[in-house]
């Protein structure tokens, strides 16, 4: 009896010890899982990502973006335990690359962010216009046609900085809160580009008429003024040619080079601060092919009597003439351009003009192709014979 009692007591104690050990092991596993999860969560946060030197550009731009309240993992780690595990394993590779200084710069996304990531927050079935309400963008229809979100919104979080050559290893120390805001203030890199919409529509035989994408038609009220086409538009253009260019640049077959301003990234690379492009309305009218279509036509005022009176008109308001005519150049590269020198050639009476001529004229008795790079051929041959 005594032996049986001792045996039962021993068994009871063994069971108690076993359960105690099991409890400790279970509690340790729970703590380990919780700690691991907390660690994983922490390493997926913006605060953790921003501690890496090479992530400063991405961290500062995200902070200044419309997605500043979104954690990195929400976009860069896909849903599911497997994807999460893969991302964490890839993180170990990135740590190794950081320690060995073997990571690439600029840093690029290995794969595009899928539509499903955006749809976690954005309902494509209800996004038919922009927040401002003017631009018609039926997102659901675009998705059905195979258009991916990132094709239009690639710069929404980071302003496409990896493609702007501002995230090399030598640039990291330059990045701060101010630079992040400057980079994200350039809508050319943060918002969908109109030229991308137009090129895509043309490639897919979709109308590029203003009403296709703009609910208001975009025509400013100033354009309804009866005097607008009788000279009023020129006066408005002189006040703010960049405002005109915001629409009419898309109507030109060629870019308006003289009006192009330096982007923030260009200033960053050049260590400069100037970003203002200067051009007058009259210069703009001669560069924009949309303007040229009207300005190249002979105005109704230029009738048979105008020839005798044009000097007086020009003397009273030469700026009006400059919208179509070039009053400064001796010659013109545009054969359709009537310039002052076409009818008013230089007579070369001043000796100083010959002395300061960029090409030595000694021994030259007749014009050649070299002369016509600056001078108008029809004007020269009125006095000088080529043969």
Protein backbone atom coordinates (compact mmCIF):
# COMPACT_ATOMS: atom_id res chain seq x y z
CA UNK A 1 0.00 0.00 0.00
CA UNK A 2 2.73 2.39 0.97
CA UNK A 3 4.58 1.69 -2.25
CA UNK A 4 1.44 2.32 -4.35
CA UNK A 5 0.89 5.62 -2.62
CA UNK A 6 4.46 6.72 -3.28
CA UNK A 7 4.15 5.71 -6.92
CA UNK A 8 0.93 7.72 -7.38
CA UNK A 9 2.55 10.74 -5.69
CA UNK A 10 5.53 10.42 -8.01
CA UNK A 11 3.29 10.24 -11.06
CA UNK A 12 1.34 13.28 -9.89
CA UNK A 13 4.53 15.26 -9.40
CA UNK A 14 5.83 14.19 -12.81
CA UNK A 15 2.62 15.31 -14.46
CA UNK A 16 2.76 18.65 -12.62
CA UNK A 17 6.36 19.15 -13.72
CA UNK A 18 5.44 18.22 -17.30
CA UNK A 19 2.53 20.68 -17.37
CA UNK A 20 4.74 23.38 -15.85
CA UNK A 21 7.40 22.84 -18.50
CA UNK A 22 4.71 22.75 -21.21
CA UNK A 23 3.27 26.00 -19.90
CA UNK A 24 6.70 27.65 -19.88
CA UNK A 25 7.42 26.43 -23.42
CA UNK A 26 4.03 27.59 -24.66
CA UNK A 27 4.41 30.98 -22.97
CA UNK A 28 7.91 31.32 -24.46
CA UNK A 29 6.57 30.53 -27.92
CA UNK A 30 3.81 33.09 -27.51
CA UNK A 31 6.31 35.70 -26.36
CA UNK A 32 8.63 34.79 -29.22
CA UNK A 33 5.83 35.10 -31.77
CA UNK A 34 4.65 38.39 -30.29
CA UNK A 35 8.21 39.74 -30.18
CA UNK A 36 8.84 38.52 -33.71
CA UNK A 37 5.63 40.04 -34.97
CA UNK A 38 6.43 43.32 -33.23
CA UNK A 39 9.89 43.27 -34.76
CA UNK A 40 8.50 42.53 -38.22
CA UNK A 41 5.95 45.31 -37.82
CA UNK A 42 8.61 47.74 -36.66
CA UNK A 43 10.93 46.90 -39.57
CA UNK A 44 8.03 47.59 -41.95
CA UNK A 45 7.27 51.05 -40.59
CA UNK A 46 8.18 54.41 -42.08
CA UNK A 47 10.19 55.34 -39.02
CA UNK A 48 12.38 52.26 -39.41
CA UNK A 49 12.83 52.63 -43.18
CA UNK A 50 13.83 56.27 -42.79
CA UNK A 51 16.72 55.33 -40.50
CA UNK A 52 18.58 53.85 -43.47
CA UNK A 53 20.83 56.43 -45.11
CA UNK A 54 19.97 55.26 -48.61
CA UNK A 55 16.24 55.55 -47.92
CA UNK A 56 16.34 59.26 -47.00
CA UNK A 57 15.11 60.45 -50.45
CA UNK A 58 12.16 58.05 -50.38
CA UNK A 59 11.34 58.88 -46.75
CA UNK A 60 11.42 62.66 -47.28
CA UNK A 61 9.33 62.56 -50.46
CA UNK A 62 6.75 60.22 -48.92
CA UNK A 63 6.46 62.59 -45.96
CA UNK A 64 5.60 65.43 -48.37
CA UNK A 65 3.22 63.36 -50.52
CA UNK A 66 -0.53 62.81 -50.47
CA UNK A 67 0.24 59.32 -49.09
CA UNK A 68 2.17 60.54 -46.06
CA UNK A 69 -0.15 58.67 -43.70
CA UNK A 70 0.40 55.32 -45.45
CA UNK A 71 2.98 52.88 -44.08
CA UNK A 72 5.64 51.55 -46.46
CA UNK A 73 4.45 47.94 -46.13
CA UNK A 74 0.95 48.83 -47.36
CA UNK A 75 2.32 49.40 -50.86
CA UNK A 76 5.60 47.49 -50.92
CA UNK A 77 4.49 44.20 -49.33
CA UNK A 78 1.66 42.28 -50.97
CA UNK A 79 -1.12 40.62 -48.99
CA UNK A 80 -0.64 37.14 -47.59
CA UNK A 81 1.70 35.36 -45.17
CA UNK A 82 3.92 34.01 -47.97
CA UNK A 83 4.47 37.46 -49.50
CA UNK A 84 5.13 38.88 -46.05
CA UNK A 85 7.74 36.19 -45.33
CA UNK A 86 9.39 36.75 -48.72
CA UNK A 87 9.59 40.50 -48.03
CA UNK A 88 11.27 39.90 -44.67
CA UNK A 89 13.76 37.44 -46.21
CA UNK A 90 14.52 40.00 -48.89
CA UNK A 91 15.10 42.45 -46.07
CA UNK A 92 17.98 40.31 -44.86
CA UNK A 93 19.53 40.53 -48.31
CA UNK A 94 19.15 44.29 -48.21
CA UNK A 95 20.84 44.43 -44.80
CA UNK A 96 23.77 42.44 -46.24
CA UNK A 97 23.97 44.81 -49.22
CA UNK A 98 23.97 47.79 -46.86
CA UNK A 99 26.76 46.35 -44.68
CA UNK A 100 28.88 45.47 -47.73
CA UNK A 101 27.97 48.70 -49.54
CA UNK A 102 26.78 46.60 -52.47
CA UNK A 103 23.33 48.02 -52.99
CA UNK A 104 22.48 49.71 -56.32
CA UNK A 105 21.94 53.45 -56.61
CA UNK A 106 19.60 54.87 -57.71
CA UNK A 107 17.36 52.31 -56.05
CA UNK A 108 14.53 51.09 -58.31
CA UNK A 109 11.48 49.00 -57.56
CA UNK A 110 12.14 45.44 -58.85
CA UNK A 111 8.45 45.00 -59.72
CA UNK A 112 5.59 47.43 -60.27
CA UNK A 113 3.01 47.93 -57.56
CA UNK A 114 -0.11 46.00 -58.70
CA UNK A 115 -3.58 47.47 -59.00
CA UNK A 116 -4.79 45.34 -56.12
CA UNK A 117 -2.60 47.32 -53.74
CA UNK A 118 -4.21 50.61 -54.76
CA UNK A 119 -7.68 49.07 -54.61
CA UNK A 120 -7.23 48.29 -50.93
CA UNK A 121 -7.92 51.98 -50.30
CA UNK A 122 -9.37 53.31 -53.55
CA UNK A 123 -12.71 52.24 -55.02
CA UNK A 124 -12.24 52.27 -58.80
CA UNK A 125 -15.98 51.93 -59.44
CA UNK A 126 -16.65 55.38 -57.99
CA UNK A 127 -13.61 57.26 -59.37
CA UNK A 128 -14.99 58.89 -62.52
CA UNK A 129 -13.47 62.36 -62.17
CA UNK A 130 -10.51 63.97 -60.44
CA UNK A 131 -10.94 65.47 -56.96
CA UNK A 132 -11.21 68.91 -58.59
CA UNK A 133 -14.09 67.60 -60.67
CA UNK A 134 -13.00 68.78 -64.12
CA UNK A 135 -11.00 65.91 -65.62
CA UNK A 136 -13.11 62.91 -66.60
CA UNK A 137 -11.24 59.74 -65.66
CA UNK A 138 -13.45 56.62 -65.63
CA UNK A 139 -10.97 54.44 -63.70
CA UNK A 140 -13.00 51.25 -63.96
CA UNK A 141 -13.12 51.56 -67.75
CA UNK A 142 -9.36 52.13 -67.90
CA UNK A 143 -8.77 49.06 -65.75
CA UNK A 144 -10.90 46.92 -68.07
CA UNK A 145 -8.73 48.11 -70.97
CA UNK A 146 -5.63 46.89 -69.12
CA UNK A 147 -4.30 50.26 -67.97
CA UNK A 148 -2.35 49.87 -64.73
CA UNK A 149 -2.55 52.41 -61.92
CA UNK A 150 1.21 53.02 -61.93
CA UNK A 151 1.17 53.94 -65.62
CA UNK A 152 -0.51 57.21 -64.63
CA UNK A 153 0.32 57.53 -60.92
CA UNK A 154 3.94 56.37 -60.70
CA UNK A 155 5.05 59.52 -58.89
CA UNK A 156 2.24 59.90 -56.37
CA UNK A 157 4.34 58.79 -53.38
CA UNK A 158 7.94 59.58 -54.31
CA UNK A 159 7.81 61.88 -57.35
CA UNK A 160 9.73 59.45 -59.60
CA UNK A 161 12.97 60.54 -57.89
CA UNK A 162 14.85 57.40 -58.92
CA UNK A 163 14.35 58.41 -62.56
CA UNK A 164 15.38 62.02 -61.92
CA UNK A 165 19.00 61.19 -61.06
CA UNK A 166 18.82 62.71 -57.58
CA UNK A 167 19.26 59.58 -55.45
CA UNK A 168 22.86 58.59 -56.03
CA UNK A 169 25.00 57.73 -53.01
CA UNK A 170 26.66 61.14 -53.10
CA UNK A 171 23.27 62.85 -52.81
CA UNK A 172 21.97 61.35 -49.55
CA UNK A 173 23.40 64.04 -47.27
CA UNK A 174 21.57 66.74 -49.25
CA UNK A 175 18.17 65.31 -48.47
CA UNK A 176 16.02 66.89 -45.78
CA UNK A 177 12.43 67.95 -45.15
CA UNK A 178 12.77 71.07 -47.34
CA UNK A 179 14.18 69.23 -50.33
CA UNK A 180 11.51 66.55 -50.03
CA UNK A 181 8.79 69.19 -50.24
CA UNK A 182 10.49 70.88 -53.20
CA UNK A 183 10.76 67.63 -55.13
CA UNK A 184 7.10 66.80 -54.51
CA UNK A 185 5.97 70.33 -55.42
CA UNK A 186 6.85 69.73 -59.08
CA UNK A 187 3.54 68.38 -60.41
CA UNK A 188 5.28 67.28 -63.58
CA UNK A 189 6.53 64.28 -61.59
CA UNK A 190 3.71 63.73 -59.10
CA UNK A 191 0.55 63.99 -61.20
CA UNK A 192 -0.55 62.20 -64.38
CA UNK A 193 0.89 63.89 -67.47
CA UNK A 194 -1.46 65.18 -70.13
CA UNK A 195 0.98 64.19 -72.88
CA UNK A 196 0.78 60.58 -71.65
CA UNK A 197 -3.02 60.68 -71.88
CA UNK A 198 -2.86 62.12 -75.39
CA UNK A 199 -0.24 59.67 -76.66
CA UNK A 200 -2.17 56.72 -75.22
CA UNK A 201 -5.45 57.93 -76.74
CA UNK A 202 -3.79 58.38 -80.14
CA UNK A 203 -2.22 54.92 -79.98
CA UNK A 204 -5.61 53.36 -79.19
CA UNK A 205 -7.68 55.51 -81.59
CA UNK A 206 -9.48 57.31 -78.76
CA UNK A 207 -10.59 60.91 -79.26
CA UNK A 208 -8.19 63.60 -78.03
CA UNK A 209 -10.81 66.37 -78.14
CA UNK A 210 -10.91 68.49 -74.97
CA UNK A 211 -14.46 67.35 -74.15
CA UNK A 212 -13.30 63.72 -74.04
CA UNK A 213 -11.44 64.32 -70.79
CA UNK A 214 -12.56 67.74 -69.57
CA UNK A 215 -16.10 68.31 -68.33
CA UNK A 216 -15.85 72.11 -68.53
CA UNK A 217 -14.38 72.29 -72.03
CA UNK A 218 -11.50 74.30 -70.54
CA UNK A 219 -12.21 77.41 -72.62
CA UNK A 220 -11.49 80.45 -70.39
CA UNK A 221 -14.15 83.19 -70.21
CA UNK A 222 -11.62 85.70 -71.58
CA UNK A 223 -11.76 83.87 -74.90
CA UNK A 224 -15.43 84.84 -75.35
CA UNK A 225 -14.62 88.56 -75.51
CA UNK A 226 -15.36 89.94 -79.05
CA UNK A 227 -11.98 91.70 -79.02
CA UNK A 228 -10.09 88.57 -78.02
CA UNK A 229 -9.18 87.59 -81.58
CA UNK A 230 -8.75 91.21 -82.68
CA UNK A 231 -5.64 91.75 -80.63
CA UNK A 232 -6.96 91.24 -77.12
CA UNK A 233 -5.35 87.82 -76.79
CA UNK A 234 -1.93 89.33 -77.46
CA UNK A 235 -2.30 91.79 -74.58
CA UNK A 236 -3.38 88.97 -72.23
CA UNK A 237 -0.45 86.87 -73.39
CA UNK A 238 2.01 89.63 -72.55
CA UNK A 239 0.69 89.67 -68.97
CA UNK A 240 1.07 85.93 -68.36
CA UNK A 241 2.40 83.87 -71.27
CA UNK A 242 2.93 80.85 -69.00
CA UNK A 243 -0.81 80.70 -68.35
CA UNK A 244 -1.41 80.57 -72.10
CA UNK A 245 1.27 77.93 -72.47
CA UNK A 246 -0.38 75.67 -69.88
CA UNK A 247 -2.95 74.77 -72.56
CA UNK A 248 -1.46 75.84 -75.87
CA UNK A 249 1.81 73.98 -75.39
CA UNK A 250 -0.13 70.77 -76.09
CA UNK A 251 -1.38 72.26 -79.36
CA UNK A 252 2.09 72.92 -80.73
CA UNK A 253 3.84 70.39 -82.94
CA UNK A 254 7.20 71.48 -81.52
CA UNK A 255 8.21 72.20 -77.90
CA UNK A 256 8.52 75.84 -76.81
CA UNK A 257 12.20 75.61 -75.91
CA UNK A 258 12.68 79.18 -74.73
CA UNK A 259 9.88 78.85 -72.16
CA UNK A 260 10.99 75.58 -70.63
CA UNK A 261 11.99 76.11 -67.02
CA UNK A 262 14.45 74.14 -64.94
CA UNK A 263 12.78 71.55 -62.77
CA UNK A 264 13.66 71.21 -59.11
CA UNK A 265 15.74 68.12 -59.93
CA UNK A 266 17.69 70.04 -62.60
CA UNK A 267 18.44 72.76 -60.08
CA UNK A 268 19.47 70.07 -57.60
CA UNK A 269 21.95 68.52 -60.02
CA UNK A 270 23.34 71.89 -61.12
CA UNK A 271 23.40 73.34 -57.58
CA UNK A 272 21.45 76.32 -58.92
CA UNK A 273 18.35 78.14 -57.74
CA UNK A 274 17.17 79.87 -60.92
CA UNK A 275 14.11 78.20 -62.43
CA UNK A 276 12.42 80.95 -64.43
CA UNK A 277 12.19 80.65 -68.19
CA UNK A 278 11.83 83.97 -70.00
CA UNK A 279 10.11 84.56 -73.31
CA UNK A 280 7.88 87.31 -74.65
CA UNK A 281 4.44 86.73 -76.09
CA UNK A 282 5.69 87.76 -79.55
CA UNK A 283 8.52 85.22 -79.36
CA UNK A 284 6.06 82.60 -78.19
CA UNK A 285 3.76 83.30 -81.15
CA UNK A 286 6.61 82.53 -83.54
CA UNK A 287 7.62 79.31 -81.74
CA UNK A 288 4.22 77.71 -81.14
CA UNK A 289 2.98 76.09 -84.35
CA UNK A 290 -0.61 76.55 -83.15
CA UNK A 291 -0.10 80.33 -83.16
CA UNK A 292 1.76 80.20 -86.47
CA UNK A 293 -1.30 78.78 -88.23
CA UNK A 294 -3.01 82.15 -87.80
CA UNK A 295 0.00 84.45 -87.70
CA UNK A 296 1.36 83.10 -90.97
CA UNK A 297 -1.80 84.23 -92.77
CA UNK A 298 -1.96 87.73 -94.21
CA UNK A 299 -4.32 89.83 -92.04
CA UNK A 300 -7.28 91.59 -93.69
CA UNK A 301 -5.73 94.94 -92.71
CA UNK A 302 -2.75 94.23 -94.99
CA UNK A 303 -4.56 95.29 -98.20
CA UNK A 304 -3.13 97.11 -101.22
CA UNK A 305 -3.04 100.44 -99.36
CA UNK A 306 -1.28 99.01 -96.33
CA UNK A 307 2.11 98.86 -98.07
CA UNK A 308 2.31 102.65 -98.24
CA UNK A 309 1.14 103.12 -94.65
CA UNK A 310 2.83 100.21 -92.86
CA UNK A 311 5.79 102.36 -91.79
CA UNK A 312 3.52 104.70 -89.86
CA UNK A 313 1.66 101.78 -88.28
CA UNK A 314 4.91 100.09 -87.31
CA UNK A 315 6.28 103.31 -85.86
CA UNK A 316 3.27 103.73 -83.59
CA UNK A 317 3.25 100.14 -82.26
CA UNK A 318 6.16 98.02 -83.39
CA UNK A 319 5.37 95.35 -80.74
CA UNK A 320 2.19 94.43 -82.61
CA UNK A 321 4.24 93.76 -85.74
CA UNK A 322 6.65 91.55 -83.82
CA UNK A 323 3.92 89.01 -83.19
CA UNK A 324 4.36 87.89 -86.81
CA UNK A 325 7.43 89.67 -88.16
CA UNK A 326 10.98 89.49 -86.92
CA UNK A 327 12.33 93.02 -86.72
CA UNK A 328 15.75 92.19 -85.34
CA UNK A 329 17.25 89.46 -87.52
CA UNK A 330 18.86 90.27 -90.85
CA UNK A 331 17.81 86.96 -92.30
CA UNK A 332 15.28 84.27 -91.47
CA UNK A 333 15.38 80.50 -91.43
CA UNK A 334 11.66 80.46 -92.19
CA UNK A 335 11.04 80.98 -95.91
CA UNK A 336 7.45 82.04 -95.20
CA UNK A 337 8.50 84.75 -92.76
CA UNK A 338 8.46 88.28 -94.14
CA UNK A 339 11.05 90.29 -92.23
CA UNK A 340 11.98 93.95 -92.41
CA UNK A 341 15.25 93.13 -94.15
CA UNK A 342 13.30 91.53 -97.00
CA UNK A 343 12.50 95.00 -98.29
CA UNK A 344 14.84 97.16 -96.21
CA UNK A 345 18.34 95.83 -96.86
CA UNK A 346 21.44 97.22 -95.20
CA UNK A 347 23.40 99.44 -97.62
CA UNK A 348 26.77 98.86 -95.95
CA UNK A 349 27.53 102.58 -96.11
CA UNK A 350 29.07 102.58 -92.67
CA UNK A 351 32.67 101.43 -92.73
CA UNK A 352 32.35 100.22 -89.13
CA UNK A 353 29.81 97.61 -90.23
CA UNK A 354 32.35 96.05 -92.55
CA UNK A 355 35.11 96.19 -89.97
CA UNK A 356 33.02 94.45 -87.32
CA UNK A 357 31.61 91.79 -89.65
CA UNK A 358 32.22 88.36 -88.05
CA UNK A 359 33.62 86.99 -91.35
CA UNK A 360 36.44 88.87 -93.19
CA UNK A 361 35.03 90.44 -96.33
CA UNK A 362 38.29 91.32 -98.09
CA UNK A 363 38.27 89.98 -101.63
CA UNK A 364 34.61 88.87 -101.49
CA UNK A 365 32.69 90.41 -104.42
CA UNK A 366 29.55 88.33 -104.50
CA UNK A 367 27.34 86.53 -101.94
CA UNK A 368 27.55 82.80 -101.30
CA UNK A 369 25.68 80.15 -99.33
CA UNK A 370 27.60 81.23 -96.24
CA UNK A 371 26.07 84.71 -96.46
CA UNK A 372 22.54 83.31 -96.55
CA UNK A 373 22.95 81.72 -93.14
CA UNK A 374 22.30 85.20 -91.76
CA UNK A 375 21.17 87.34 -94.68
CA UNK A 376 18.04 87.02 -96.80
CA UNK A 377 18.95 85.75 -100.28
CA UNK A 378 16.24 87.68 -102.12
CA UNK A 379 17.36 90.90 -100.49
CA UNK A 380 21.06 90.41 -101.24
CA UNK A 381 20.54 89.51 -104.89
CA UNK A 382 18.66 92.74 -105.54
CA UNK A 383 22.04 94.45 -105.55
CA UNK A 384 24.58 91.64 -105.63
CA UNK A 385 24.70 89.28 -108.59
CA UNK A 386 25.69 85.74 -107.84
CA UNK A 387 27.12 85.09 -111.33
